[in-house]
Amino acid sequence: MPTPFDVPASILIERLANYLKEEVDVVKPPAWAPYVKTGAHVQRPPQNPDWWFIRCASILRKVYIKGPIGIGHLRSEYGGRKDRGTRPEHHMIGGGSIIRKALQQLEAAGLVEKTQKGRVISRKGRQLLDRLSAEIKKDLEKVYPELSKY
């Protein structure tokens, strides 16, 4: 059975974001979401109105692949290079409140669980990601038959 390791991340995150937006009632952007930057390294808020669902889907995939994982590690993952003008660029970590609220919503939906070592994917979350991965794999094999060997 295909897993998120076997399909392209961009396609999986896109489909998972659509699922979270349409099917899961608990995952909703907070009131401050249209105005907030995603970290100290960016200059403006995201332009995509559905960025909250995309970020939640991306976090869920990272918890599946790298879990158990904590907020500090995820902040580093979602960080980036800060433009400091003529000085050299430095890595800045991403915003912690965004990651914390997203993980809390995914926990409330039953897709993520909290443990001593960090967040891990729950049984329901694993089933969801495996099912979406299988659907993506079938669709890709129709379009690209050479991918069937993978």
C-alpha atoms as a PDB file:
ATOM      1  CA  MET A   1       0.000   0.000   0.000  1.00  0.00           C
ATOM      2  CA  PRO A   2       1.415   3.419  -0.941  1.00  0.00           C
ATOM      3  CA  THR A   3       2.378   5.833   1.827  1.00  0.00           C
ATOM      4  CA  PRO A   4       3.258   9.553   1.783  1.00  0.00           C
ATOM      5  CA  PHE A   5       6.850   8.484   1.110  1.00  0.00           C
ATOM      6  CA  ASP A   6       5.781   7.114  -2.299  1.00  0.00           C
ATOM      7  CA  VAL A   7       3.965  10.126  -3.774  1.00  0.00           C
ATOM      8  CA  PRO A   8       5.040  13.696  -4.588  1.00  0.00           C
ATOM      9  CA  ALA A   9       4.688  15.980  -1.581  1.00  0.00           C
ATOM     10  CA  SER A  10       3.118  18.861  -3.514  1.00  0.00           C
ATOM     11  CA  ILE A  11       0.222  16.759  -4.796  1.00  0.00           C
ATOM     12  CA  LEU A  12      -0.370  15.132  -1.403  1.00  0.00           C
ATOM     13  CA  ILE A  13      -0.371  18.469   0.435  1.00  0.00           C
ATOM     14  CA  GLU A  14      -2.772  19.981  -2.114  1.00  0.00           C
ATOM     15  CA  ARG A  15      -5.277  17.126  -1.774  1.00  0.00           C
ATOM     16  CA  LEU A  16      -4.915  17.001   1.999  1.00  0.00           C
ATOM     17  CA  ALA A  17      -5.523  20.766   2.234  1.00  0.00           C
ATOM     18  CA  ASN A  18      -8.725  20.384   0.204  1.00  0.00           C
ATOM     19  CA  TYR A  19      -9.823  17.533   2.484  1.00  0.00           C
ATOM     20  CA  LEU A  20      -9.141  19.585   5.622  1.00  0.00           C
ATOM     21  CA  LYS A  21     -11.011  22.563   4.190  1.00  0.00           C
ATOM     22  CA  GLU A  22     -14.112  20.645   3.107  1.00  0.00           C
ATOM     23  CA  GLU A  23     -14.421  17.693   5.500  1.00  0.00           C
ATOM     24  CA  VAL A  24     -12.891  18.641   8.855  1.00  0.00           C
ATOM     25  CA  ASP A  25     -14.897  21.190  10.839  1.00  0.00           C
ATOM     26  CA  VAL A  26     -12.285  21.742  13.545  1.00  0.00           C
ATOM     27  CA  VAL A  27      -9.559  23.072  11.236  1.00  0.00           C
ATOM     28  CA  LYS A  28     -10.358  26.742  10.640  1.00  0.00           C
ATOM     29  CA  PRO A  29      -8.077  29.736  10.242  1.00  0.00           C
ATOM     30  CA  PRO A  30      -7.954  31.995  13.311  1.00  0.00           C
ATOM     31  CA  ALA A  31      -9.230  35.559  13.119  1.00  0.00           C
ATOM     32  CA  TRP A  32      -5.688  36.917  12.854  1.00  0.00           C
ATOM     33  CA  ALA A  33      -4.678  34.619   9.947  1.00  0.00           C
ATOM     34  CA  PRO A  34      -5.170  37.154   7.089  1.00  0.00           C
ATOM     35  CA  TYR A  35      -2.832  39.677   8.731  1.00  0.00           C
ATOM     36  CA  VAL A  36       0.017  37.632  10.206  1.00  0.00           C
ATOM     37  CA  LYS A  37       3.430  36.920   8.700  1.00  0.00           C
ATOM     38  CA  THR A  38       4.582  33.312   8.826  1.00  0.00           C
ATOM     39  CA  GLY A  39       7.955  34.213  10.350  1.00  0.00           C
ATOM     40  CA  ALA A  40      10.499  36.942  10.937  1.00  0.00           C
ATOM     41  CA  HIS A  41      12.194  36.129   7.631  1.00  0.00           C
ATOM     42  CA  VAL A  42       9.225  37.125   5.422  1.00  0.00           C
ATOM     43  CA  GLN A  43       8.136  40.650   4.659  1.00  0.00           C
ATOM     44  CA  ARG A  44       4.401  40.184   3.991  1.00  0.00           C
ATOM     45  CA  PRO A  45       1.549  37.859   4.924  1.00  0.00           C
ATOM     46  CA  PRO A  46       0.744  34.977   2.533  1.00  0.00           C
ATOM     47  CA  GLN A  47      -1.236  35.963  -0.556  1.00  0.00           C
ATOM     48  CA  ASN A  48      -3.142  32.679  -0.877  1.00  0.00           C
ATOM     49  CA  PRO A  49      -6.428  32.881   1.078  1.00  0.00           C
ATOM     50  CA  ASP A  50      -6.252  29.122   1.804  1.00  0.00           C
ATOM     51  CA  TRP A  51      -2.727  29.233   3.221  1.00  0.00           C
ATOM     52  CA  TRP A  52      -3.901  28.023   6.648  1.00  0.00           C
ATOM     53  CA  PHE A  53      -5.182  24.729   5.249  1.00  0.00           C
ATOM     54  CA  ILE A  54      -2.021  24.248   3.185  1.00  0.00           C
ATOM     55  CA  ARG A  55       0.140  24.827   6.269  1.00  0.00           C
ATOM     56  CA  CYS A  56      -1.957  22.398   8.354  1.00  0.00           C
ATOM     57  CA  ALA A  57      -1.661  19.771   5.622  1.00  0.00           C
ATOM     58  CA  SER A  58       2.078  20.309   5.390  1.00  0.00           C
ATOM     59  CA  ILE A  59       2.468  20.013   9.167  1.00  0.00           C
ATOM     60  CA  LEU A  60       0.419  16.810   9.180  1.00  0.00           C
ATOM     61  CA  ARG A  61       2.674  15.319   6.488  1.00  0.00           C
ATOM     62  CA  LYS A  62       5.825  16.341   8.395  1.00  0.00           C
ATOM     63  CA  VAL A  63       4.479  14.768  11.598  1.00  0.00           C
ATOM     64  CA  TYR A  64       3.832  11.548   9.655  1.00  0.00           C
ATOM     65  CA  ILE A  65       7.316  11.465   8.142  1.00  0.00           C
ATOM     66  CA  LYS A  66       9.474  12.884  10.957  1.00  0.00           C
ATOM     67  CA  GLY A  67       7.408  12.225  14.097  1.00  0.00           C
ATOM     68  CA  PRO A  68       7.731  12.368  17.018  1.00  0.00           C
ATOM     69  CA  ILE A  69       8.464  16.023  16.355  1.00  0.00           C
ATOM     70  CA  GLY A  70       8.146  19.155  18.468  1.00  0.00           C
ATOM     71  CA  ILE A  71       7.209  22.755  17.814  1.00  0.00           C
ATOM     72  CA  GLY A  72      10.835  23.906  18.003  1.00  0.00           C
ATOM     73  CA  HIS A  73      11.907  21.550  15.229  1.00  0.00           C
ATOM     74  CA  LEU A  74       8.909  22.543  13.104  1.00  0.00           C
ATOM     75  CA  ARG A  75       9.758  26.232  13.605  1.00  0.00           C
ATOM     76  CA  SER A  76      13.184  25.531  12.193  1.00  0.00           C
ATOM     77  CA  GLU A  77      11.670  23.573   9.271  1.00  0.00           C
ATOM     78  CA  TYR A  78       9.348  26.453   8.347  1.00  0.00           C
ATOM     79  CA  GLY A  79      12.006  29.120   8.755  1.00  0.00           C
ATOM     80  CA  GLY A  80      13.953  30.766   5.998  1.00  0.00           C
ATOM     81  CA  ARG A  81      16.651  33.226   5.037  1.00  0.00           C
ATOM     82  CA  LYS A  82      16.269  36.760   6.348  1.00  0.00           C
ATOM     83  CA  ASP A  83      17.239  39.496   3.898  1.00  0.00           C
ATOM     84  CA  ARG A  84      19.410  41.886   5.868  1.00  0.00           C
ATOM     85  CA  GLY A  85      20.240  44.310   3.099  1.00  0.00           C
ATOM     86  CA  THR A  86      23.959  44.456   2.316  1.00  0.00           C
ATOM     87  CA  ARG A  87      24.837  42.196   5.248  1.00  0.00           C
ATOM     88  CA  PRO A  88      24.916  38.401   4.845  1.00  0.00           C
ATOM     89  CA  GLU A  89      21.630  36.544   5.110  1.00  0.00           C
ATOM     90  CA  HIS A  90      20.883  34.511   8.246  1.00  0.00           C
ATOM     91  CA  HIS A  91      18.430  31.704   8.957  1.00  0.00           C
ATOM     92  CA  MET A  92      15.395  32.762  11.001  1.00  0.00           C
ATOM     93  CA  ILE A  93      12.903  30.338  12.515  1.00  0.00           C
ATOM     94  CA  GLY A  94       9.228  30.394  11.540  1.00  0.00           C
ATOM     95  CA  GLY A  95       6.366  31.684  13.658  1.00  0.00           C
ATOM     96  CA  GLY A  96       5.568  29.432  16.603  1.00  0.00           C
ATOM     97  CA  SER A  97       1.971  30.522  17.171  1.00  0.00           C
ATOM     98  CA  ILE A  98       0.934  29.389  13.694  1.00  0.00           C
ATOM     99  CA  ILE A  99       2.460  25.948  14.198  1.00  0.00           C
ATOM    100  CA  ARG A 100       1.085  25.619  17.741  1.00  0.00           C
ATOM    101  CA  LYS A 101      -2.493  26.532  16.742  1.00  0.00           C
ATOM    102  CA  ALA A 102      -2.355  24.247  13.693  1.00  0.00           C
ATOM    103  CA  LEU A 103      -1.174  21.313  15.809  1.00  0.00           C
ATOM    104  CA  GLN A 104      -3.892  22.004  18.389  1.00  0.00           C
ATOM    105  CA  GLN A 105      -6.536  21.959  15.661  1.00  0.00           C
ATOM    106  CA  LEU A 106      -5.128  18.740  14.188  1.00  0.00           C
ATOM    107  CA  GLU A 107      -5.196  17.201  17.684  1.00  0.00           C
ATOM    108  CA  ALA A 108      -8.820  18.252  18.129  1.00  0.00           C
ATOM    109  CA  ALA A 109      -9.629  16.617  14.778  1.00  0.00           C
ATOM    110  CA  GLY A 110      -8.015  13.399  16.011  1.00  0.00           C
ATOM    111  CA  LEU A 111      -5.266  13.336  13.377  1.00  0.00           C
ATOM    112  CA  VAL A 112      -2.304  14.018  15.708  1.00  0.00           C
ATOM    113  CA  GLU A 113      -1.511  12.882  19.257  1.00  0.00           C
ATOM    114  CA  LYS A 114       0.764  14.403  21.886  1.00  0.00           C
ATOM    115  CA  THR A 115       3.400  12.204  23.559  1.00  0.00           C
ATOM    116  CA  GLN A 116       6.361  12.768  25.882  1.00  0.00           C
ATOM    117  CA  LYS A 117       8.751  13.117  22.939  1.00  0.00           C
ATOM    118  CA  GLY A 118       6.530  15.333  20.760  1.00  0.00           C
ATOM    119  CA  ARG A 119       3.616  15.063  18.364  1.00  0.00           C
ATOM    120  CA  VAL A 120       2.984  11.811  16.486  1.00  0.00           C
ATOM    121  CA  ILE A 121       0.433  10.837  13.875  1.00  0.00           C
ATOM    122  CA  SER A 122      -2.675   9.105  15.208  1.00  0.00           C
ATOM    123  CA  ARG A 123      -4.297   6.013  13.747  1.00  0.00           C
ATOM    124  CA  LYS A 124      -6.986   8.122  12.066  1.00  0.00           C
ATOM    125  CA  GLY A 125      -4.360  10.462  10.592  1.00  0.00           C
ATOM    126  CA  ARG A 126      -2.270   7.563   9.300  1.00  0.00           C
ATOM    127  CA  GLN A 127      -5.327   6.028   7.616  1.00  0.00           C
ATOM    128  CA  LEU A 128      -6.204   9.355   5.991  1.00  0.00           C
ATOM    129  CA  LEU A 129      -2.714   9.954   4.604  1.00  0.00           C
ATOM    130  CA  ASP A 130      -2.366   6.362   3.394  1.00  0.00           C
ATOM    131  CA  ARG A 131      -5.755   6.506   1.658  1.00  0.00           C
ATOM    132  CA  LEU A 132      -4.942   9.809  -0.075  1.00  0.00           C
ATOM    133  CA  SER A 133      -1.521   8.442  -1.084  1.00  0.00           C
ATOM    134  CA  ALA A 134      -3.135   5.374  -2.656  1.00  0.00           C
ATOM    135  CA  GLU A 135      -5.546   7.565  -4.631  1.00  0.00           C
ATOM    136  CA  ILE A 136      -2.711   9.794  -5.838  1.00  0.00           C
ATOM    137  CA  LYS A 137      -0.615   6.787  -6.819  1.00  0.00           C
ATOM    138  CA  LYS A 138      -3.500   5.385  -8.920  1.00  0.00           C
ATOM    139  CA  ASP A 139      -4.050   8.743 -10.623  1.00  0.00           C
ATOM    140  CA  LEU A 140      -0.350   9.154 -11.374  1.00  0.00           C
ATOM    141  CA  GLU A 141      -0.050   5.657 -12.827  1.00  0.00           C
ATOM    142  CA  LYS A 142      -2.819   6.505 -15.309  1.00  0.00           C
ATOM    143  CA  VAL A 143      -1.029   9.665 -16.431  1.00  0.00           C
ATOM    144  CA  TYR A 144       2.548   8.315 -16.179  1.00  0.00           C
ATOM    145  CA  PRO A 145       2.583   4.525 -16.756  1.00  0.00           C
ATOM    146  CA  GLU A 146       6.344   4.379 -16.196  1.00  0.00           C
ATOM    147  CA  LEU A 147       5.782   5.181 -12.499  1.00  0.00           C
ATOM    148  CA  SER A 148       4.117   1.789 -11.929  1.00  0.00           C
ATOM    149  CA  LYS A 149       7.496   0.211 -11.082  1.00  0.00           C
ATOM    150  CA  TYR A 150       7.737   2.437  -8.030  1.00  0.00           C
END
